Amino acid sequence: LLGHTSRGVTQRYVHLDAALAVAADQVSAEIAKLLDGES
């Protein structure tokens, strides 16, 4: 999510997959709720 340089073999193959998209959605949604004062 942060765009860190790959440090291992596994990370070289982590591109845009469904799991990463779900993670980005959940993290940004949680922060947006906090910023907007939601419960």
Full PDB file with SEQRES, HELIX, SHEET, SSBOND, CRYST1, ORIGX, SCALE, CONECT and MASTER records, all heavy atoms in Angstrom:
SEQRES   1 A   39  LEU LEU GLY HIS THR SER ARG GLY VAL THR GLN ARG TYR          
SEQRES   2 A   39  VAL HIS LEU ASP ALA ALA LEU ALA VAL ALA ALA ASP GLN          
SEQRES   3 A   39  VAL SER ALA GLU ILE ALA LYS LEU LEU ASP GLY GLU SER          
HELIX    1 AA1 THR A   10  TYR A   13  5                                   4    
HELIX    2 AA2 ALA A   18  LEU A   35  1                                  18    
CRYST1    1.000    1.000    1.000  90.00  90.00  90.00 P 1           1          
ORIGX1      1.000000  0.000000  0.000000        0.00000                         
ORIGX2      0.000000  1.000000  0.000000        0.00000                         
ORIGX3      0.000000  0.000000  1.000000        0.00000                         
SCALE1      1.000000  0.000000  0.000000        0.00000                         
SCALE2      0.000000  1.000000  0.000000        0.00000                         
SCALE3      0.000000  0.000000  1.000000        0.00000                         
ATOM      1  N   LEU A   1       0.823  -1.212   0.000  1.00  0.00           N  
ATOM      2  CA  LEU A   1       0.000   0.000   0.000  1.00  0.00           C  
ATOM      3  C   LEU A   1       0.856   1.262   0.000  1.00  0.00           C  
ATOM      4  O   LEU A   1       0.487   2.274  -0.605  1.00  0.00           O  
ATOM      5  CB  LEU A   1      -0.922   0.003   1.224  1.00  0.00           C  
ATOM      6  CG  LEU A   1      -1.993  -1.088   1.293  1.00  0.00           C  
ATOM      7  CD1 LEU A   1      -2.742  -1.006   2.617  1.00  0.00           C  
ATOM      8  CD2 LEU A   1      -2.959  -0.980   0.124  1.00  0.00           C  
ATOM      9  N   LEU A   2       1.987   1.203   0.682  1.00  0.00           N  
ATOM     10  CA  LEU A   2       2.859   2.378   0.799  1.00  0.00           C  
ATOM     11  C   LEU A   2       3.804   2.536  -0.382  1.00  0.00           C  
ATOM     12  O   LEU A   2       4.451   3.578  -0.522  1.00  0.00           O  
ATOM     13  CB  LEU A   2       3.679   2.290   2.087  1.00  0.00           C  
ATOM     14  CG  LEU A   2       2.906   2.411   3.403  1.00  0.00           C  
ATOM     15  CD1 LEU A   2       3.841   2.191   4.584  1.00  0.00           C  
ATOM     16  CD2 LEU A   2       2.234   3.780   3.513  1.00  0.00           C  
ATOM     17  N   GLY A   3       3.924   1.487  -1.214  1.00  0.00           N  
ATOM     18  CA  GLY A   3       4.835   1.578  -2.350  1.00  0.00           C  
ATOM     19  C   GLY A   3       6.282   1.404  -1.968  1.00  0.00           C  
ATOM     20  O   GLY A   3       7.172   1.936  -2.634  1.00  0.00           O  
ATOM     21  N   HIS A   4       6.546   0.652  -0.882  1.00  0.00           N  
ATOM     22  CA  HIS A   4       7.926   0.403  -0.493  1.00  0.00           C  
ATOM     23  C   HIS A   4       8.619  -0.456  -1.529  1.00  0.00           C  
ATOM     24  O   HIS A   4       8.008  -1.310  -2.178  1.00  0.00           O  
ATOM     25  CB  HIS A   4       7.981  -0.322   0.857  1.00  0.00           C  
ATOM     26  CG  HIS A   4       7.777   0.605   2.016  1.00  0.00           C  
ATOM     27  ND1 HIS A   4       7.834   0.198   3.317  1.00  0.00           N  
ATOM     28  CD2 HIS A   4       7.518   1.935   2.069  1.00  0.00           C  
ATOM     29  CE1 HIS A   4       7.619   1.216   4.122  1.00  0.00           C  
ATOM     30  NE2 HIS A   4       7.417   2.282   3.379  1.00  0.00           N  
ATOM     31  N   THR A   5       9.938  -0.283  -1.662  1.00  0.00           N  
ATOM     32  CA  THR A   5      10.734  -1.092  -2.568  1.00  0.00           C  
ATOM     33  C   THR A   5      10.674  -2.542  -2.132  1.00  0.00           C  
ATOM     34  O   THR A   5      10.759  -2.855  -0.951  1.00  0.00           O  
ATOM     35  CB  THR A   5      12.202  -0.619  -2.558  1.00  0.00           C  
ATOM     36  OG1 THR A   5      12.229   0.762  -2.894  1.00  0.00           O  
ATOM     37  CG2 THR A   5      13.027  -1.405  -3.556  1.00  0.00           C  
ATOM     38  N   SER A   6      10.541  -3.458  -3.089  1.00  0.00           N  
ATOM     39  CA  SER A   6      10.473  -4.879  -2.774  1.00  0.00           C  
ATOM     40  C   SER A   6      11.755  -5.320  -2.073  1.00  0.00           C  
ATOM     41  O   SER A   6      12.847  -5.006  -2.490  1.00  0.00           O  
ATOM     42  CB  SER A   6      10.303  -5.692  -4.056  1.00  0.00           C  
ATOM     43  OG  SER A   6       9.088  -5.367  -4.674  1.00  0.00           O  
ATOM     44  N   ARG A   7      11.555  -6.071  -0.988  1.00  0.00           N  
ATOM     45  CA  ARG A   7      12.713  -6.542  -0.236  1.00  0.00           C  
ATOM     46  C   ARG A   7      12.899  -8.048  -0.351  1.00  0.00           C  
ATOM     47  O   ARG A   7      13.825  -8.597   0.200  1.00  0.00           O  
ATOM     48  CB  ARG A   7      12.559  -6.161   1.242  1.00  0.00           C  
ATOM     49  CG  ARG A   7      12.631  -4.677   1.489  1.00  0.00           C  
ATOM     50  CD  ARG A   7      12.598  -4.423   2.987  1.00  0.00           C  
ATOM     51  NE  ARG A   7      11.356  -4.859   3.575  1.00  0.00           N  
ATOM     52  CZ  ARG A   7      10.251  -4.145   3.591  1.00  0.00           C  
ATOM     53  NH1 ARG A   7      10.220  -2.966   3.030  1.00  0.00           N  
ATOM     54  NH2 ARG A   7       9.158  -4.607   4.159  1.00  0.00           N  
ATOM     55  N   GLY A   8      12.024  -8.732  -1.028  1.00  0.00           N  
ATOM     56  CA  GLY A   8      12.150 -10.180  -1.119  1.00  0.00           C  
ATOM     57  C   GLY A   8      11.505 -10.699  -2.374  1.00  0.00           C  
ATOM     58  O   GLY A   8      10.844  -9.987  -3.115  1.00  0.00           O  
ATOM     59  N   VAL A   9      11.708 -11.985  -2.631  1.00  0.00           N  
ATOM     60  CA  VAL A   9      11.182 -12.594  -3.840  1.00  0.00           C  
ATOM     61  C   VAL A   9       9.676 -12.480  -3.897  1.00  0.00           C  
ATOM     62  O   VAL A   9       9.089 -12.162  -4.933  1.00  0.00           O  
ATOM     63  CB  VAL A   9      11.617 -14.076  -3.907  1.00  0.00           C  
ATOM     64  CG1 VAL A   9      10.976 -14.755  -5.107  1.00  0.00           C  
ATOM     65  CG2 VAL A   9      13.131 -14.185  -3.980  1.00  0.00           C  
ATOM     66  N   THR A  10       9.002 -12.714  -2.754  1.00  0.00           N  
ATOM     67  CA  THR A  10       7.541 -12.698  -2.742  1.00  0.00           C  
ATOM     68  C   THR A  10       7.008 -11.347  -3.184  1.00  0.00           C  
ATOM     69  O   THR A  10       6.092 -11.261  -3.999  1.00  0.00           O  
ATOM     70  CB  THR A  10       7.013 -13.021  -1.329  1.00  0.00           C  
ATOM     71  OG1 THR A  10       7.606 -14.241  -0.902  1.00  0.00           O  
ATOM     72  CG2 THR A  10       5.514 -13.169  -1.340  1.00  0.00           C  
ATOM     73  N   GLN A  11       7.608 -10.248  -2.670  1.00  0.00           N  
ATOM     74  CA  GLN A  11       7.084  -8.926  -2.961  1.00  0.00           C  
ATOM     75  C   GLN A  11       7.223  -8.545  -4.425  1.00  0.00           C  
ATOM     76  O   GLN A  11       6.514  -7.677  -4.906  1.00  0.00           O  
ATOM     77  CB  GLN A  11       7.779  -7.884  -2.085  1.00  0.00           C  
ATOM     78  CG  GLN A  11       7.196  -7.821  -0.683  1.00  0.00           C  
ATOM     79  CD  GLN A  11       7.821  -6.702   0.108  1.00  0.00           C  
ATOM     80  OE1 GLN A  11       8.879  -6.877   0.674  1.00  0.00           O  
ATOM     81  NE2 GLN A  11       7.185  -5.566   0.152  1.00  0.00           N  
ATOM     82  N   ARG A  12       8.136  -9.171  -5.142  1.00  0.00           N  
ATOM     83  CA  ARG A  12       8.292  -8.833  -6.546  1.00  0.00           C  
ATOM     84  C   ARG A  12       7.034  -9.179  -7.339  1.00  0.00           C  
ATOM     85  O   ARG A  12       6.806  -8.655  -8.417  1.00  0.00           O  
ATOM     86  CB  ARG A  12       9.482  -9.596  -7.139  1.00  0.00           C  
ATOM     87  CG  ARG A  12      10.816  -9.195  -6.531  1.00  0.00           C  
ATOM     88  CD  ARG A  12      11.929 -10.079  -7.052  1.00  0.00           C  
ATOM     89  NE  ARG A  12      13.148  -9.916  -6.255  1.00  0.00           N  
ATOM     90  CZ  ARG A  12      14.186 -10.725  -6.324  1.00  0.00           C  
ATOM     91  NH1 ARG A  12      14.166 -11.755  -7.150  1.00  0.00           N  
ATOM     92  NH2 ARG A  12      15.246 -10.523  -5.575  1.00  0.00           N  
ATOM     93  N   TYR A  13       6.217 -10.102  -6.805  1.00  0.00           N  
ATOM     94  CA  TYR A  13       5.041 -10.556  -7.528  1.00  0.00           C  
ATOM     95  C   TYR A  13       3.759  -9.949  -6.963  1.00  0.00           C  
ATOM     96  O   TYR A  13       2.668 -10.313  -7.378  1.00  0.00           O  
ATOM     97  CB  TYR A  13       4.965 -12.084  -7.485  1.00  0.00           C  
ATOM     98  CG  TYR A  13       6.172 -12.707  -8.138  1.00  0.00           C  
ATOM     99  CD1 TYR A  13       7.245 -13.128  -7.372  1.00  0.00           C  
ATOM    100  CD2 TYR A  13       6.249 -12.839  -9.517  1.00  0.00           C  
ATOM    101  CE1 TYR A  13       8.373 -13.679  -7.972  1.00  0.00           C  
ATOM    102  CE2 TYR A  13       7.371 -13.383 -10.125  1.00  0.00           C  
ATOM    103  CZ  TYR A  13       8.424 -13.805  -9.347  1.00  0.00           C  
ATOM    104  OH  TYR A  13       9.535 -14.328  -9.936  1.00  0.00           O  
ATOM    105  N   VAL A  14       3.884  -9.017  -5.995  1.00  0.00           N  
ATOM    106  CA  VAL A  14       2.702  -8.354  -5.447  1.00  0.00           C  
ATOM    107  C   VAL A  14       2.438  -7.102  -6.279  1.00  0.00           C  
ATOM    108  O   VAL A  14       3.156  -6.139  -6.192  1.00  0.00           O  
ATOM    109  CB  VAL A  14       2.914  -7.969  -3.968  1.00  0.00           C  
ATOM    110  CG1 VAL A  14       1.717  -7.185  -3.465  1.00  0.00           C  
ATOM    111  CG2 VAL A  14       3.132  -9.211  -3.136  1.00  0.00           C  
ATOM    112  N   HIS A  15       1.439  -7.141  -7.132  1.00  0.00           N  
ATOM    113  CA  HIS A  15       1.085  -5.997  -7.950  1.00  0.00           C  
ATOM    114  C   HIS A  15      -0.304  -5.520  -7.513  1.00  0.00           C  
ATOM    115  O   HIS A  15      -0.521  -5.233  -6.349  1.00  0.00           O  
ATOM    116  CB  HIS A  15       1.133  -6.369  -9.433  1.00  0.00           C  
ATOM    117  CG  HIS A  15       2.484  -6.844  -9.864  1.00  0.00           C  
ATOM    118  ND1 HIS A  15       3.602  -6.052  -9.809  1.00  0.00           N  
ATOM    119  CD2 HIS A  15       2.904  -8.058 -10.322  1.00  0.00           C  
ATOM    120  CE1 HIS A  15       4.653  -6.725 -10.239  1.00  0.00           C  
ATOM    121  NE2 HIS A  15       4.259  -7.946 -10.558  1.00  0.00           N  
ATOM    122  N   LEU A  16      -1.222  -5.444  -8.413  1.00  0.00           N  
ATOM    123  CA  LEU A  16      -2.571  -5.016  -8.072  1.00  0.00           C  
ATOM    124  C   LEU A  16      -3.467  -6.245  -8.041  1.00  0.00           C  
ATOM    125  O   LEU A  16      -3.909  -6.724  -9.080  1.00  0.00           O  
ATOM    126  CB  LEU A  16      -3.090  -4.007  -9.106  1.00  0.00           C  
ATOM    127  CG  LEU A  16      -2.356  -2.673  -9.128  1.00  0.00           C  
ATOM    128  CD1 LEU A  16      -3.011  -1.753 -10.128  1.00  0.00           C  
ATOM    129  CD2 LEU A  16      -2.328  -2.037  -7.765  1.00  0.00           C  
ATOM    130  N   ASP A  17      -3.700  -6.789  -6.885  1.00  0.00           N  
ATOM    131  CA  ASP A  17      -4.591  -7.926  -6.777  1.00  0.00           C  
ATOM    132  C   ASP A  17      -5.784  -7.539  -5.912  1.00  0.00           C  
ATOM    133  O   ASP A  17      -5.833  -6.461  -5.314  1.00  0.00           O  
ATOM    134  CB  ASP A  17      -3.879  -9.165  -6.237  1.00  0.00           C  
ATOM    135  CG  ASP A  17      -3.206  -8.903  -4.901  1.00  0.00           C  
ATOM    136  OD1 ASP A  17      -3.622  -7.948  -4.218  1.00  0.00           O  
ATOM    137  OD2 ASP A  17      -2.291  -9.653  -4.544  1.00  0.00           O  
ATOM    138  N   ALA A  18      -6.754  -8.434  -5.860  1.00  0.00           N  
ATOM    139  CA  ALA A  18      -7.985  -8.133  -5.132  1.00  0.00           C  
ATOM    140  C   ALA A  18      -7.724  -7.887  -3.658  1.00  0.00           C  
ATOM    141  O   ALA A  18      -8.350  -7.023  -3.039  1.00  0.00           O  
ATOM    142  CB  ALA A  18      -8.972  -9.289  -5.318  1.00  0.00           C  
ATOM    143  N   ALA A  19      -6.795  -8.648  -3.075  1.00  0.00           N  
ATOM    144  CA  ALA A  19      -6.522  -8.507  -1.646  1.00  0.00           C  
ATOM    145  C   ALA A  19      -6.000  -7.123  -1.317  1.00  0.00           C  
ATOM    146  O   ALA A  19      -6.395  -6.495  -0.327  1.00  0.00           O  
ATOM    147  CB  ALA A  19      -5.520  -9.575  -1.202  1.00  0.00           C  
ATOM    148  N   LEU A  20      -5.092  -6.601  -2.154  1.00  0.00           N  
ATOM    149  CA  LEU A  20      -4.523  -5.282  -1.901  1.00  0.00           C  
ATOM    150  C   LEU A  20      -5.588  -4.203  -2.063  1.00  0.00           C  
ATOM    151  O   LEU A  20      -5.621  -3.222  -1.309  1.00  0.00           O  
ATOM    152  CB  LEU A  20      -3.357  -5.041  -2.869  1.00  0.00           C  
ATOM    153  CG  LEU A  20      -2.207  -4.144  -2.375  1.00  0.00           C  
ATOM    154  CD1 LEU A  20      -1.622  -4.660  -1.071  1.00  0.00           C  
ATOM    155  CD2 LEU A  20      -1.129  -4.045  -3.441  1.00  0.00           C  
ATOM    156  N   ALA A  21      -6.469  -4.374  -3.037  1.00  0.00           N  
ATOM    157  CA  ALA A  21      -7.547  -3.404  -3.241  1.00  0.00           C  
ATOM    158  C   ALA A  21      -8.501  -3.385  -2.050  1.00  0.00           C  
ATOM    159  O   ALA A  21      -8.946  -2.319  -1.604  1.00  0.00           O  
ATOM    160  CB  ALA A  21      -8.308  -3.743  -4.527  1.00  0.00           C  
ATOM    161  N   VAL A  22      -8.816  -4.572  -1.509  1.00  0.00           N  
ATOM    162  CA  VAL A  22      -9.677  -4.642  -0.326  1.00  0.00           C  
ATOM    163  C   VAL A  22      -9.010  -3.943   0.854  1.00  0.00           C  
ATOM    164  O   VAL A  22      -9.652  -3.201   1.613  1.00  0.00           O  
ATOM    165  CB  VAL A  22      -9.987  -6.118   0.016  1.00  0.00           C  
ATOM    166  CG1 VAL A  22     -10.649  -6.225   1.388  1.00  0.00           C  
ATOM    167  CG2 VAL A  22     -10.886  -6.726  -1.047  1.00  0.00           C  
ATOM    168  N   ALA A  23      -7.712  -4.169   1.021  1.00  0.00           N  
ATOM    169  CA  ALA A  23      -6.979  -3.535   2.126  1.00  0.00           C  
ATOM    170  C   ALA A  23      -7.013  -2.022   2.004  1.00  0.00           C  
ATOM    171  O   ALA A  23      -7.281  -1.305   2.979  1.00  0.00           O  
ATOM    172  CB  ALA A  23      -5.538  -4.042   2.142  1.00  0.00           C  
ATOM    173  N   ALA A  24      -6.752  -1.509   0.792  1.00  0.00           N  
ATOM    174  CA  ALA A  24      -6.764  -0.055   0.587  1.00  0.00           C  
ATOM    175  C   ALA A  24      -8.133   0.525   0.892  1.00  0.00           C  
ATOM    176  O   ALA A  24      -8.250   1.599   1.505  1.00  0.00           O  
ATOM    177  CB  ALA A  24      -6.349   0.271  -0.849  1.00  0.00           C  
ATOM    178  N   ASP A  25      -9.180  -0.176   0.465  1.00  0.00           N  
ATOM    179  CA  ASP A  25     -10.542   0.295   0.729  1.00  0.00           C  
ATOM    180  C   ASP A  25     -10.840   0.354   2.222  1.00  0.00           C  
ATOM    181  O   ASP A  25     -11.386   1.338   2.732  1.00  0.00           O  
ATOM    182  CB  ASP A  25     -11.555  -0.640   0.047  1.00  0.00           C  
ATOM    183  CG  ASP A  25     -12.042  -0.083  -1.283  1.00  0.00           C  
ATOM    184  OD1 ASP A  25     -11.950   1.138  -1.474  1.00  0.00           O  
ATOM    185  OD2 ASP A  25     -12.504  -0.882  -2.107  1.00  0.00           O  
ATOM    186  N   GLN A  26     -10.482  -0.706   2.941  1.00  0.00           N  
ATOM    187  CA  GLN A  26     -10.801  -0.773   4.367  1.00  0.00           C  
ATOM    188  C   GLN A  26     -10.014   0.265   5.164  1.00  0.00           C  
ATOM    189  O   GLN A  26     -10.568   0.921   6.052  1.00  0.00           O  
ATOM    190  CB  GLN A  26     -10.525  -2.177   4.894  1.00  0.00           C  
ATOM    191  CG  GLN A  26     -11.494  -3.231   4.371  1.00  0.00           C  
ATOM    192  CD  GLN A  26     -11.306  -4.579   5.019  1.00  0.00           C  
ATOM    193  OE1 GLN A  26     -10.602  -4.695   6.016  1.00  0.00           O  
ATOM    194  NE2 GLN A  26     -11.930  -5.599   4.463  1.00  0.00           N  
ATOM    195  N   VAL A  27      -8.732   0.430   4.850  1.00  0.00           N  
ATOM    196  CA  VAL A  27      -7.918   1.388   5.607  1.00  0.00           C  
ATOM    197  C   VAL A  27      -8.389   2.817   5.334  1.00  0.00           C  
ATOM    198  O   VAL A  27      -8.568   3.619   6.261  1.00  0.00           O  
ATOM    199  CB  VAL A  27      -6.420   1.235   5.263  1.00  0.00           C  
ATOM    200  CG1 VAL A  27      -5.598   2.282   6.015  1.00  0.00           C  
ATOM    201  CG2 VAL A  27      -5.925  -0.162   5.616  1.00  0.00           C  
ATOM    202  N   SER A  28      -8.589   3.167   4.062  1.00  0.00           N  
ATOM    203  CA  SER A  28      -9.013   4.537   3.743  1.00  0.00           C  
ATOM    204  C   SER A  28     -10.410   4.822   4.285  1.00  0.00           C  
ATOM    205  O   SER A  28     -10.692   5.934   4.742  1.00  0.00           O  
ATOM    206  CB  SER A  28      -8.956   4.778   2.232  1.00  0.00           C  
ATOM    207  OG  SER A  28      -9.890   3.966   1.548  1.00  0.00           O  
ATOM    208  N   ALA A  29     -11.289   3.805   4.258  1.00  0.00           N  
ATOM    209  CA  ALA A  29     -12.640   4.000   4.799  1.00  0.00           C  
ATOM    210  C   ALA A  29     -12.593   4.243   6.306  1.00  0.00           C  
ATOM    211  O   ALA A  29     -13.330   5.094   6.839  1.00  0.00           O  
ATOM    212  CB  ALA A  29     -13.509   2.787   4.485  1.00  0.00           C  
ATOM    213  N   GLU A  30     -11.729   3.507   7.007  1.00  0.00           N  
ATOM    214  CA  GLU A  30     -11.604   3.683   8.460  1.00  0.00           C  
ATOM    215  C   GLU A  30     -11.100   5.080   8.792  1.00  0.00           C  
ATOM    216  O   GLU A  30     -11.611   5.755   9.694  1.00  0.00           O  
ATOM    217  CB  GLU A  30     -10.651   2.626   9.012  1.00  0.00           C  
ATOM    218  CG  GLU A  30     -10.419   2.697  10.515  1.00  0.00           C  
ATOM    219  CD  GLU A  30     -11.651   2.314  11.315  1.00  0.00           C  
ATOM    220  OE1 GLU A  30     -12.575   1.673  10.749  1.00  0.00           O  
ATOM    221  OE2 GLU A  30     -11.699   2.651  12.513  1.00  0.00           O  
ATOM    222  N   ILE A  31     -10.087   5.552   8.043  1.00  0.00           N  
ATOM    223  CA  ILE A  31      -9.537   6.883   8.299  1.00  0.00           C  
ATOM    224  C   ILE A  31     -10.559   7.959   7.936  1.00  0.00           C  
ATOM    225  O   ILE A  31     -10.700   8.971   8.642  1.00  0.00           O  
ATOM    226  CB  ILE A  31      -8.221   7.071   7.520  1.00  0.00           C  
ATOM    227  CG1 ILE A  31      -7.155   6.095   8.045  1.00  0.00           C  
ATOM    228  CG2 ILE A  31      -7.717   8.508   7.650  1.00  0.00           C  
ATOM    229  CD1 ILE A  31      -5.877   6.074   7.242  1.00  0.00           C  
ATOM    230  N   ALA A  32     -11.302   7.748   6.839  1.00  0.00           N  
ATOM    231  CA  ALA A  32     -12.327   8.723   6.441  1.00  0.00           C  
ATOM    232  C   ALA A  32     -13.405   8.852   7.517  1.00  0.00           C  
ATOM    233  O   ALA A  32     -13.885   9.955   7.810  1.00  0.00           O  
ATOM    234  CB  ALA A  32     -12.943   8.308   5.105  1.00  0.00           C  
ATOM    235  N   LYS A  33     -13.806   7.731   8.131  1.00  0.00           N  
ATOM    236  CA  LYS A  33     -14.791   7.776   9.214  1.00  0.00           C  
ATOM    237  C   LYS A  33     -14.284   8.604  10.386  1.00  0.00           C  
ATOM    238  O   LYS A  33     -15.025   9.394  10.975  1.00  0.00           O  
ATOM    239  CB  LYS A  33     -15.113   6.355   9.684  1.00  0.00           C  
ATOM    240  CG  LYS A  33     -15.962   5.543   8.731  1.00  0.00           C  
ATOM    241  CD  LYS A  33     -16.193   4.143   9.278  1.00  0.00           C  
ATOM    242  CE  LYS A  33     -17.003   3.292   8.305  1.00  0.00           C  
ATOM    243  NZ  LYS A  33     -17.194   1.913   8.824  1.00  0.00           N  
ATOM    244  N   LEU A  34     -12.995   8.414  10.717  1.00  0.00           N  
ATOM    245  CA  LEU A  34     -12.419   9.185  11.819  1.00  0.00           C  
ATOM    246  C   LEU A  34     -12.384  10.672  11.477  1.00  0.00           C  
ATOM    247  O   LEU A  34     -12.756  11.520  12.291  1.00  0.00           O  
ATOM    248  CB  LEU A  34     -11.018   8.675  12.134  1.00  0.00           C  
ATOM    249  CG  LEU A  34     -10.912   7.241  12.670  1.00  0.00           C  
ATOM    250  CD1 LEU A  34      -9.448   6.807  12.750  1.00  0.00           C  
ATOM    251  CD2 LEU A  34     -11.557   7.128  14.041  1.00  0.00           C  
ATOM    252  N   LEU A  35     -11.932  11.008  10.262  1.00  0.00           N  
ATOM    253  CA  LEU A  35     -11.838  12.411   9.866  1.00  0.00           C  
ATOM    254  C   LEU A  35     -13.208  13.076   9.818  1.00  0.00           C  
ATOM    255  O   LEU A  35     -13.346  14.256  10.156  1.00  0.00           O  
ATOM    256  CB  LEU A  35     -11.171  12.514   8.493  1.00  0.00           C  
ATOM    257  CG  LEU A  35      -9.656  12.295   8.436  1.00  0.00           C  
ATOM    258  CD1 LEU A  35      -9.189  12.223   6.986  1.00  0.00           C  
ATOM    259  CD2 LEU A  35      -8.905  13.400   9.173  1.00  0.00           C  
ATOM    260  N   ASP A  36     -14.202  12.324   9.407  1.00  0.00           N  
ATOM    261  CA  ASP A  36     -15.544  12.892   9.251  1.00  0.00           C  
ATOM    262  C   ASP A  36     -16.385  12.795  10.518  1.00  0.00           C  
ATOM    263  O   ASP A  36     -17.569  13.152  10.519  1.00  0.00           O  
ATOM    264  CB  ASP A  36     -16.268  12.195   8.091  1.00  0.00           C  
ATOM    265  CG  ASP A  36     -15.567  12.424   6.762  1.00  0.00           C  
ATOM    266  OD1 ASP A  36     -14.843  13.438   6.648  1.00  0.00           O  
ATOM    267  OD2 ASP A  36     -15.714  11.601   5.842  1.00  0.00           O  
ATOM    268  N   GLY A  37     -15.779  12.249  11.587  1.00  0.00           N  
ATOM    269  CA  GLY A  37     -16.467  12.224  12.868  1.00  0.00           C  
ATOM    270  C   GLY A  37     -17.540  11.178  12.983  1.00  0.00           C  
ATOM    271  O   GLY A  37     -18.439  11.288  13.831  1.00  0.00           O  
ATOM    272  N   GLU A  38     -17.497  10.133  12.141  1.00  0.00           N  
ATOM    273  CA  GLU A  38     -18.509   9.083  12.228  1.00  0.00           C  
ATOM    274  C   GLU A  38     -18.174   8.138  13.364  1.00  0.00           C  
ATOM    275  O   GLU A  38     -17.063   8.126  13.896  1.00  0.00           O  
ATOM    276  CB  GLU A  38     -18.563   8.317  10.895  1.00  0.00           C  
ATOM    277  CG  GLU A  38     -18.983   9.191   9.727  1.00  0.00           C  
ATOM    278  CD  GLU A  38     -19.028   8.416   8.432  1.00  0.00           C  
ATOM    279  OE1 GLU A  38     -19.081   7.177   8.493  1.00  0.00           O  
ATOM    280  OE2 GLU A  38     -19.020   9.059   7.364  1.00  0.00           O  
ATOM    281  N   SER A  39     -19.124   7.316  13.743  1.00  0.00           N  
ATOM    282  CA  SER A  39     -18.933   6.393  14.854  1.00  0.00           C  
ATOM    283  C   SER A  39     -17.882   5.357  14.505  1.00  0.00           C  
ATOM    284  O   SER A  39     -17.636   5.063  13.341  1.00  0.00           O  
ATOM    285  CB  SER A  39     -20.247   5.692  15.190  1.00  0.00           C  
ATOM    286  OG  SER A  39     -20.723   4.975  14.069  1.00  0.00           O  
TER     287      SER A  39                                                      
MASTER        0    0    0    2    0    0    0    6  286    1    0    3          
END                                                                             
